[in-house]
Amino acid sequence: MDTQKVVDTQKVAVVTGASQGIGAALVQAFRERGYRIVATSRSIRPSGDPDIATVAGDIADPATAERVVAEALSRFGRIDTLVNNAGIFIAKPFAEYTADDFAAKIATNLAGFFHVTQRAATQMLAQGSGHIVSITTSLTDHAIAGVPTALANLTKGGINSATKALAIEYAASGIRVNAVSPGIIATPMHAPETHAFLAGLHPVKRMGEIRDVVDGVLYLESAAFVTGEILHIDGGQSAGH
């Protein structure tokens, strides 16, 4: 009976965009903390770890969000943390964005946030506790000449604003809502030949590392008195140049 009680109270994290880069590192970090995980992305593969459930699908599709939450509850019985990591970045001059670019950004960045967050929050409300944390971008606070990012600002900036609104809506319900706002992180998204230029966009003159973002998420996870926070992990980028 005591063993069953321990299993039932083991924390569970849902991570979107979990197949590579920051998402894969977040899965590993939460497992190292003893969490069970539901990991989702379009290309996610089954895990050999019985405490990691994987759900392949497009997070912009409400059916994927439904399957993610259903898998968490059927396998593990609860959702303690949702990390909205899935996102796409398209840097173009504003007049050159296509209708397809716009649709893709809205689908992944906004619909992907909305559908899974709404369903996870419903479960957290039933539990009386939970933490929602989203990965956004410091470009929403501090635009950089020569780096046109209007659609990133439109979508990720909206998530920053929604983070504060949800933090207040759920403040008395035991649910915290935060965001991590990174600078440019050294991931496979950025070709090595661009690294010197990208490093120069940060006052500290280096790109961020995946671990920097993971550390920020883990800090927010353990910071019980922090909600509505947009945590900048950007080498001073949002402060100015």
C-alpha atoms as a PDB file:
ATOM      1  CA  MET A   1       0.000   0.000   0.000  1.00  0.00           C
ATOM      2  CA  ASP A   2       2.852   2.413   0.859  1.00  0.00           C
ATOM      3  CA  THR A   3       4.565   1.631  -2.455  1.00  0.00           C
ATOM      4  CA  GLN A   4       1.370   2.408  -4.367  1.00  0.00           C
ATOM      5  CA  LYS A   5       1.093   5.740  -2.557  1.00  0.00           C
ATOM      6  CA  VAL A   6       4.611   6.717  -3.661  1.00  0.00           C
ATOM      7  CA  VAL A   7       3.843   5.828  -7.272  1.00  0.00           C
ATOM      8  CA  ASP A   8       0.601   7.801  -7.246  1.00  0.00           C
ATOM      9  CA  THR A   9       2.285  10.969  -5.998  1.00  0.00           C
ATOM     10  CA  GLN A  10       5.315  10.869  -8.313  1.00  0.00           C
ATOM     11  CA  LYS A  11       5.260  14.088 -10.322  1.00  0.00           C
ATOM     12  CA  VAL A  12       4.474  14.132 -14.032  1.00  0.00           C
ATOM     13  CA  ALA A  13       5.678  16.631 -16.645  1.00  0.00           C
ATOM     14  CA  VAL A  14       4.393  17.090 -20.193  1.00  0.00           C
ATOM     15  CA  VAL A  15       6.973  18.462 -22.647  1.00  0.00           C
ATOM     16  CA  THR A  16       6.093  19.565 -26.178  1.00  0.00           C
ATOM     17  CA  GLY A  17       8.615  19.762 -29.012  1.00  0.00           C
ATOM     18  CA  ALA A  18      10.445  17.021 -27.129  1.00  0.00           C
ATOM     19  CA  SER A  19      12.324  15.097 -29.807  1.00  0.00           C
ATOM     20  CA  GLN A  20      15.489  17.210 -30.039  1.00  0.00           C
ATOM     21  CA  GLY A  21      17.331  20.281 -28.814  1.00  0.00           C
ATOM     22  CA  ILE A  22      15.860  22.072 -25.806  1.00  0.00           C
ATOM     23  CA  GLY A  23      12.854  19.734 -25.605  1.00  0.00           C
ATOM     24  CA  ALA A  24      14.944  16.560 -25.438  1.00  0.00           C
ATOM     25  CA  ALA A  25      17.188  18.159 -22.800  1.00  0.00           C
ATOM     26  CA  LEU A  26      14.133  19.111 -20.743  1.00  0.00           C
ATOM     27  CA  VAL A  27      12.874  15.518 -20.843  1.00  0.00           C
ATOM     28  CA  GLN A  28      16.238  14.304 -19.557  1.00  0.00           C
ATOM     29  CA  ALA A  29      16.410  16.973 -16.851  1.00  0.00           C
ATOM     30  CA  PHE A  30      12.941  16.215 -15.495  1.00  0.00           C
ATOM     31  CA  ARG A  31      13.669  12.484 -15.493  1.00  0.00           C
ATOM     32  CA  GLU A  32      16.842  13.159 -13.502  1.00  0.00           C
ATOM     33  CA  ARG A  33      14.591  14.875 -10.962  1.00  0.00           C
ATOM     34  CA  GLY A  34      12.423  11.765 -10.746  1.00  0.00           C
ATOM     35  CA  TYR A  35       9.493  12.982 -12.821  1.00  0.00           C
ATOM     36  CA  ARG A  36       7.560  10.779 -15.167  1.00  0.00           C
ATOM     37  CA  ILE A  37       7.204  12.335 -18.601  1.00  0.00           C
ATOM     38  CA  VAL A  38       4.817  12.600 -21.506  1.00  0.00           C
ATOM     39  CA  ALA A  39       6.930  13.749 -24.450  1.00  0.00           C
ATOM     40  CA  THR A  40       5.380  14.862 -27.716  1.00  0.00           C
ATOM     41  CA  SER A  41       6.478  16.088 -31.139  1.00  0.00           C
ATOM     42  CA  ARG A  42       5.779  15.243 -34.749  1.00  0.00           C
ATOM     43  CA  SER A  43       8.790  12.924 -34.942  1.00  0.00           C
ATOM     44  CA  ILE A  44       8.998  11.551 -31.388  1.00  0.00           C
ATOM     45  CA  ARG A  45       9.915   7.881 -31.152  1.00  0.00           C
ATOM     46  CA  PRO A  46       8.848   5.379 -28.506  1.00  0.00           C
ATOM     47  CA  SER A  47      11.013   5.378 -25.396  1.00  0.00           C
ATOM     48  CA  GLY A  48      12.514   2.359 -23.704  1.00  0.00           C
ATOM     49  CA  ASP A  49      11.999   4.076 -20.347  1.00  0.00           C
ATOM     50  CA  PRO A  50       8.687   2.956 -18.794  1.00  0.00           C
ATOM     51  CA  ASP A  51       8.423   6.356 -17.111  1.00  0.00           C
ATOM     52  CA  ILE A  52       8.491   8.214 -20.440  1.00  0.00           C
ATOM     53  CA  ALA A  53       5.351   8.040 -22.586  1.00  0.00           C
ATOM     54  CA  THR A  54       5.643   9.438 -26.110  1.00  0.00           C
ATOM     55  CA  VAL A  55       2.869  10.840 -28.289  1.00  0.00           C
ATOM     56  CA  ALA A  56       3.651  11.554 -31.944  1.00  0.00           C
ATOM     57  CA  GLY A  57       1.612  14.300 -33.554  1.00  0.00           C
ATOM     58  CA  ASP A  58       1.258  17.919 -34.552  1.00  0.00           C
ATOM     59  CA  ILE A  59       0.746  19.983 -31.401  1.00  0.00           C
ATOM     60  CA  ALA A  60      -1.341  22.462 -33.436  1.00  0.00           C
ATOM     61  CA  ASP A  61      -3.994  19.752 -33.835  1.00  0.00           C
ATOM     62  CA  PRO A  62      -6.498  19.654 -30.939  1.00  0.00           C
ATOM     63  CA  ALA A  63      -6.592  15.863 -31.294  1.00  0.00           C
ATOM     64  CA  THR A  64      -2.870  15.684 -30.447  1.00  0.00           C
ATOM     65  CA  ALA A  65      -3.390  17.784 -27.334  1.00  0.00           C
ATOM     66  CA  GLU A  66      -6.270  15.514 -26.350  1.00  0.00           C
ATOM     67  CA  ARG A  67      -4.096  12.412 -26.786  1.00  0.00           C
ATOM     68  CA  VAL A  68      -1.219  13.939 -24.815  1.00  0.00           C
ATOM     69  CA  VAL A  69      -3.371  14.716 -21.800  1.00  0.00           C
ATOM     70  CA  ALA A  70      -5.234  11.405 -22.036  1.00  0.00           C
ATOM     71  CA  GLU A  71      -1.917   9.527 -22.121  1.00  0.00           C
ATOM     72  CA  ALA A  72      -0.650  11.396 -19.064  1.00  0.00           C
ATOM     73  CA  LEU A  73      -3.772  10.564 -17.096  1.00  0.00           C
ATOM     74  CA  SER A  74      -4.129   6.958 -18.222  1.00  0.00           C
ATOM     75  CA  ARG A  75      -0.432   6.112 -17.718  1.00  0.00           C
ATOM     76  CA  PHE A  76       0.466   8.266 -14.742  1.00  0.00           C
ATOM     77  CA  GLY A  77      -2.771   9.654 -13.287  1.00  0.00           C
ATOM     78  CA  ARG A  78      -1.833  13.328 -13.065  1.00  0.00           C
ATOM     79  CA  ILE A  79      -0.154  16.362 -14.680  1.00  0.00           C
ATOM     80  CA  ASP A  80       2.031  18.533 -12.469  1.00  0.00           C
ATOM     81  CA  THR A  81       3.959  20.519 -15.064  1.00  0.00           C
ATOM     82  CA  LEU A  82       3.428  21.495 -18.683  1.00  0.00           C
ATOM     83  CA  VAL A  83       6.389  22.848 -20.652  1.00  0.00           C
ATOM     84  CA  ASN A  84       5.253  24.516 -23.878  1.00  0.00           C
ATOM     85  CA  ASN A  85       8.505  24.197 -25.803  1.00  0.00           C
ATOM     86  CA  ALA A  86       7.257  23.508 -29.347  1.00  0.00           C
ATOM     87  CA  GLY A  87       7.671  26.440 -31.684  1.00  0.00           C
ATOM     88  CA  ILE A  88       8.920  27.508 -35.094  1.00  0.00           C
ATOM     89  CA  PHE A  89      10.986  30.553 -36.044  1.00  0.00           C
ATOM     90  CA  ILE A  90      10.857  32.210 -39.467  1.00  0.00           C
ATOM     91  CA  ALA A  91      12.989  35.345 -39.864  1.00  0.00           C
ATOM     92  CA  LYS A  92      11.983  37.370 -42.928  1.00  0.00           C
ATOM     93  CA  PRO A  93      11.334  40.997 -43.788  1.00  0.00           C
ATOM     94  CA  PHE A  94       7.702  41.613 -42.859  1.00  0.00           C
ATOM     95  CA  ALA A  95       6.519  42.246 -46.437  1.00  0.00           C
ATOM     96  CA  GLU A  96       8.014  38.918 -47.557  1.00  0.00           C
ATOM     97  CA  TYR A  97       6.092  36.663 -45.186  1.00  0.00           C
ATOM     98  CA  THR A  98       3.687  34.411 -47.065  1.00  0.00           C
ATOM     99  CA  ALA A  99       0.233  33.261 -46.068  1.00  0.00           C
ATOM    100  CA  ASP A 100       1.772  29.830 -45.447  1.00  0.00           C
ATOM    101  CA  ASP A 101       4.396  31.355 -43.119  1.00  0.00           C
ATOM    102  CA  PHE A 102       1.657  33.106 -41.164  1.00  0.00           C
ATOM    103  CA  ALA A 103      -0.496  29.970 -40.959  1.00  0.00           C
ATOM    104  CA  ALA A 104       2.442  27.837 -39.813  1.00  0.00           C
ATOM    105  CA  LYS A 105       3.443  30.261 -37.068  1.00  0.00           C
ATOM    106  CA  ILE A 106      -0.107  30.668 -35.793  1.00  0.00           C
ATOM    107  CA  ALA A 107      -0.654  26.896 -35.856  1.00  0.00           C
ATOM    108  CA  THR A 108       2.459  25.781 -33.996  1.00  0.00           C
ATOM    109  CA  ASN A 109       3.182  28.763 -31.766  1.00  0.00           C
ATOM    110  CA  LEU A 110      -0.339  29.853 -30.797  1.00  0.00           C
ATOM    111  CA  ALA A 111      -2.747  26.971 -31.456  1.00  0.00           C
ATOM    112  CA  GLY A 112      -0.108  24.570 -30.115  1.00  0.00           C
ATOM    113  CA  PHE A 113       0.051  26.593 -26.908  1.00  0.00           C
ATOM    114  CA  PHE A 114      -3.711  27.034 -26.601  1.00  0.00           C
ATOM    115  CA  HIS A 115      -4.982  23.491 -27.069  1.00  0.00           C
ATOM    116  CA  VAL A 116      -2.594  21.621 -24.782  1.00  0.00           C
ATOM    117  CA  THR A 117      -2.485  24.369 -22.142  1.00  0.00           C
ATOM    118  CA  GLN A 118      -6.266  24.507 -21.891  1.00  0.00           C
ATOM    119  CA  ARG A 119      -6.514  20.758 -21.402  1.00  0.00           C
ATOM    120  CA  ALA A 120      -3.609  20.547 -18.966  1.00  0.00           C
ATOM    121  CA  ALA A 121      -4.950  23.497 -16.955  1.00  0.00           C
ATOM    122  CA  THR A 122      -8.325  21.769 -16.640  1.00  0.00           C
ATOM    123  CA  GLN A 123      -6.602  18.785 -15.018  1.00  0.00           C
ATOM    124  CA  MET A 124      -4.475  21.023 -12.796  1.00  0.00           C
ATOM    125  CA  LEU A 125      -7.596  22.813 -11.586  1.00  0.00           C
ATOM    126  CA  ALA A 126      -9.073  19.454 -10.617  1.00  0.00           C
ATOM    127  CA  GLN A 127      -5.873  18.605  -8.722  1.00  0.00           C
ATOM    128  CA  GLY A 128      -5.579  22.041  -7.125  1.00  0.00           C
ATOM    129  CA  SER A 129      -1.967  22.433  -8.213  1.00  0.00           C
ATOM    130  CA  GLY A 130       0.286  22.680 -11.251  1.00  0.00           C
ATOM    131  CA  HIS A 131       2.876  24.675 -13.151  1.00  0.00           C
ATOM    132  CA  ILE A 132       2.732  25.871 -16.754  1.00  0.00           C
ATOM    133  CA  VAL A 133       5.914  27.245 -18.303  1.00  0.00           C
ATOM    134  CA  SER A 134       6.356  28.350 -21.919  1.00  0.00           C
ATOM    135  CA  ILE A 135       9.493  28.980 -23.969  1.00  0.00           C
ATOM    136  CA  THR A 136       9.228  32.322 -25.777  1.00  0.00           C
ATOM    137  CA  THR A 137      11.949  34.728 -27.006  1.00  0.00           C
ATOM    138  CA  SER A 138      13.652  37.915 -25.840  1.00  0.00           C
ATOM    139  CA  LEU A 139      13.073  39.379 -29.281  1.00  0.00           C
ATOM    140  CA  THR A 140       9.532  40.182 -28.142  1.00  0.00           C
ATOM    141  CA  ASP A 141      11.000  42.742 -25.726  1.00  0.00           C
ATOM    142  CA  HIS A 142      13.958  43.996 -27.704  1.00  0.00           C
ATOM    143  CA  ALA A 143      13.875  43.981 -31.503  1.00  0.00           C
ATOM    144  CA  ILE A 144      17.259  43.931 -33.238  1.00  0.00           C
ATOM    145  CA  ALA A 145      18.030  45.833 -36.436  1.00  0.00           C
ATOM    146  CA  GLY A 146      18.814  43.396 -39.234  1.00  0.00           C
ATOM    147  CA  VAL A 147      16.962  40.508 -37.575  1.00  0.00           C
ATOM    148  CA  PRO A 148      13.358  40.803 -38.844  1.00  0.00           C
ATOM    149  CA  THR A 149      11.109  38.782 -36.559  1.00  0.00           C
ATOM    150  CA  ALA A 150       7.622  40.283 -36.647  1.00  0.00           C
ATOM    151  CA  LEU A 151       5.812  36.932 -36.705  1.00  0.00           C
ATOM    152  CA  ALA A 152       7.884  35.619 -33.797  1.00  0.00           C
ATOM    153  CA  ASN A 153       6.998  38.763 -31.874  1.00  0.00           C
ATOM    154  CA  LEU A 154       3.324  38.442 -32.788  1.00  0.00           C
ATOM    155  CA  THR A 155       3.066  34.857 -31.569  1.00  0.00           C
ATOM    156  CA  LYS A 156       5.590  34.550 -28.753  1.00  0.00           C
ATOM    157  CA  GLY A 157       4.739  38.029 -27.501  1.00  0.00           C
ATOM    158  CA  GLY A 158       1.146  36.872 -27.255  1.00  0.00           C
ATOM    159  CA  ILE A 159       2.230  33.926 -25.118  1.00  0.00           C
ATOM    160  CA  ASN A 160       4.173  36.237 -22.800  1.00  0.00           C
ATOM    161  CA  SER A 161       1.037  38.324 -22.323  1.00  0.00           C
ATOM    162  CA  ALA A 162      -1.158  35.243 -21.845  1.00  0.00           C
ATOM    163  CA  THR A 163       1.327  33.948 -19.268  1.00  0.00           C
ATOM    164  CA  LYS A 164       0.672  36.969 -17.064  1.00  0.00           C
ATOM    165  CA  ALA A 165      -3.079  36.784 -17.593  1.00  0.00           C
ATOM    166  CA  LEU A 166      -3.211  33.087 -16.687  1.00  0.00           C
ATOM    167  CA  ALA A 167      -0.935  33.605 -13.693  1.00  0.00           C
ATOM    168  CA  ILE A 168      -3.498  36.017 -12.260  1.00  0.00           C
ATOM    169  CA  GLU A 169      -6.490  33.909 -13.289  1.00  0.00           C
ATOM    170  CA  TYR A 170      -5.062  30.838 -11.541  1.00  0.00           C
ATOM    171  CA  ALA A 171      -3.174  32.493  -8.665  1.00  0.00           C
ATOM    172  CA  ALA A 172      -5.728  31.394  -6.071  1.00  0.00           C
ATOM    173  CA  SER A 173      -6.092  27.917  -7.577  1.00  0.00           C
ATOM    174  CA  GLY A 174      -2.630  26.554  -6.820  1.00  0.00           C
ATOM    175  CA  ILE A 175      -1.422  26.851 -10.426  1.00  0.00           C
ATOM    176  CA  ARG A 176       1.644  28.899 -11.323  1.00  0.00           C
ATOM    177  CA  VAL A 177       2.211  30.163 -14.892  1.00  0.00           C
ATOM    178  CA  ASN A 178       5.600  31.412 -16.095  1.00  0.00           C
ATOM    179  CA  ALA A 179       7.727  31.752 -19.225  1.00  0.00           C
ATOM    180  CA  VAL A 180      11.388  31.485 -20.126  1.00  0.00           C
ATOM    181  CA  SER A 181      12.429  34.085 -22.687  1.00  0.00           C
ATOM    182  CA  PRO A 182      15.732  33.015 -24.258  1.00  0.00           C
ATOM    183  CA  GLY A 183      18.159  34.838 -26.457  1.00  0.00           C
ATOM    184  CA  ILE A 184      19.597  32.921 -29.392  1.00  0.00           C
ATOM    185  CA  ILE A 185      20.502  29.406 -28.293  1.00  0.00           C
ATOM    186  CA  ALA A 186      23.088  27.173 -29.948  1.00  0.00           C
ATOM    187  CA  THR A 187      20.864  24.431 -31.330  1.00  0.00           C
ATOM    188  CA  PRO A 188      20.831  22.563 -34.675  1.00  0.00           C
ATOM    189  CA  MET A 189      18.439  25.296 -35.919  1.00  0.00           C
ATOM    190  CA  HIS A 190      21.445  27.600 -36.400  1.00  0.00           C
ATOM    191  CA  ALA A 191      24.191  26.674 -38.876  1.00  0.00           C
ATOM    192  CA  PRO A 192      27.710  26.829 -37.382  1.00  0.00           C
ATOM    193  CA  GLU A 193      28.780  29.508 -39.873  1.00  0.00           C
ATOM    194  CA  THR A 194      26.171  31.872 -38.366  1.00  0.00           C
ATOM    195  CA  HIS A 195      27.326  31.459 -34.768  1.00  0.00           C
ATOM    196  CA  ALA A 196      29.830  34.320 -34.718  1.00  0.00           C
ATOM    197  CA  PHE A 197      27.212  36.783 -35.981  1.00  0.00           C
ATOM    198  CA  LEU A 198      24.553  35.475 -33.615  1.00  0.00           C
ATOM    199  CA  ALA A 199      26.916  35.592 -30.630  1.00  0.00           C
ATOM    200  CA  GLY A 200      27.503  39.282 -31.351  1.00  0.00           C
ATOM    201  CA  LEU A 201      23.795  40.023 -30.879  1.00  0.00           C
ATOM    202  CA  HIS A 202      24.182  39.392 -27.134  1.00  0.00           C
ATOM    203  CA  PRO A 203      25.972  41.855 -24.833  1.00  0.00           C
ATOM    204  CA  VAL A 204      27.935  38.954 -23.305  1.00  0.00           C
ATOM    205  CA  LYS A 205      29.167  38.121 -26.834  1.00  0.00           C
ATOM    206  CA  ARG A 206      28.157  34.485 -26.882  1.00  0.00           C
ATOM    207  CA  MET A 207      25.117  32.450 -27.775  1.00  0.00           C
ATOM    208  CA  GLY A 208      23.209  30.694 -25.069  1.00  0.00           C
ATOM    209  CA  GLU A 209      23.490  26.964 -24.499  1.00  0.00           C
ATOM    210  CA  ILE A 210      20.625  24.514 -24.206  1.00  0.00           C
ATOM    211  CA  ARG A 211      21.541  23.961 -20.565  1.00  0.00           C
ATOM    212  CA  ASP A 212      20.983  27.664 -19.853  1.00  0.00           C
ATOM    213  CA  VAL A 213      17.335  27.329 -20.871  1.00  0.00           C
ATOM    214  CA  VAL A 214      16.905  24.052 -18.982  1.00  0.00           C
ATOM    215  CA  ASP A 215      18.328  25.648 -15.836  1.00  0.00           C
ATOM    216  CA  GLY A 216      15.794  28.475 -16.154  1.00  0.00           C
ATOM    217  CA  VAL A 217      12.874  26.063 -16.449  1.00  0.00           C
ATOM    218  CA  LEU A 218      14.106  24.053 -13.462  1.00  0.00           C
ATOM    219  CA  TYR A 219      14.490  27.227 -11.408  1.00  0.00           C
ATOM    220  CA  LEU A 220      10.891  28.222 -12.137  1.00  0.00           C
ATOM    221  CA  GLU A 221       9.761  24.686 -11.375  1.00  0.00           C
ATOM    222  CA  SER A 222      11.182  24.919  -7.862  1.00  0.00           C
ATOM    223  CA  ALA A 223      10.362  28.602  -7.213  1.00  0.00           C
ATOM    224  CA  ALA A 224       7.047  28.195  -5.415  1.00  0.00           C
ATOM    225  CA  PHE A 225       6.502  31.946  -4.887  1.00  0.00           C
ATOM    226  CA  VAL A 226       7.131  32.894  -8.522  1.00  0.00           C
ATOM    227  CA  THR A 227       4.229  33.227 -10.964  1.00  0.00           C
ATOM    228  CA  GLY A 228       3.580  35.547 -13.888  1.00  0.00           C
ATOM    229  CA  GLU A 229       7.330  35.801 -14.473  1.00  0.00           C
ATOM    230  CA  ILE A 230       8.966  36.202 -17.901  1.00  0.00           C
ATOM    231  CA  LEU A 231      12.474  34.979 -17.106  1.00  0.00           C
ATOM    232  CA  HIS A 232      15.013  36.364 -19.577  1.00  0.00           C
ATOM    233  CA  ILE A 233      17.893  34.018 -20.313  1.00  0.00           C
ATOM    234  CA  ASP A 234      19.501  36.042 -23.051  1.00  0.00           C
ATOM    235  CA  GLY A 235      22.980  37.249 -22.160  1.00  0.00           C
ATOM    236  CA  GLY A 236      21.632  40.735 -21.492  1.00  0.00           C
ATOM    237  CA  GLN A 237      19.883  41.018 -24.869  1.00  0.00           C
ATOM    238  CA  SER A 238      16.595  42.316 -23.482  1.00  0.00           C
ATOM    239  CA  ALA A 239      18.386  44.915 -21.336  1.00  0.00           C
ATOM    240  CA  GLY A 240      19.820  46.720 -24.326  1.00  0.00           C
ATOM    241  CA  HIS A 241      22.942  47.183 -26.431  1.00  0.00           C
END
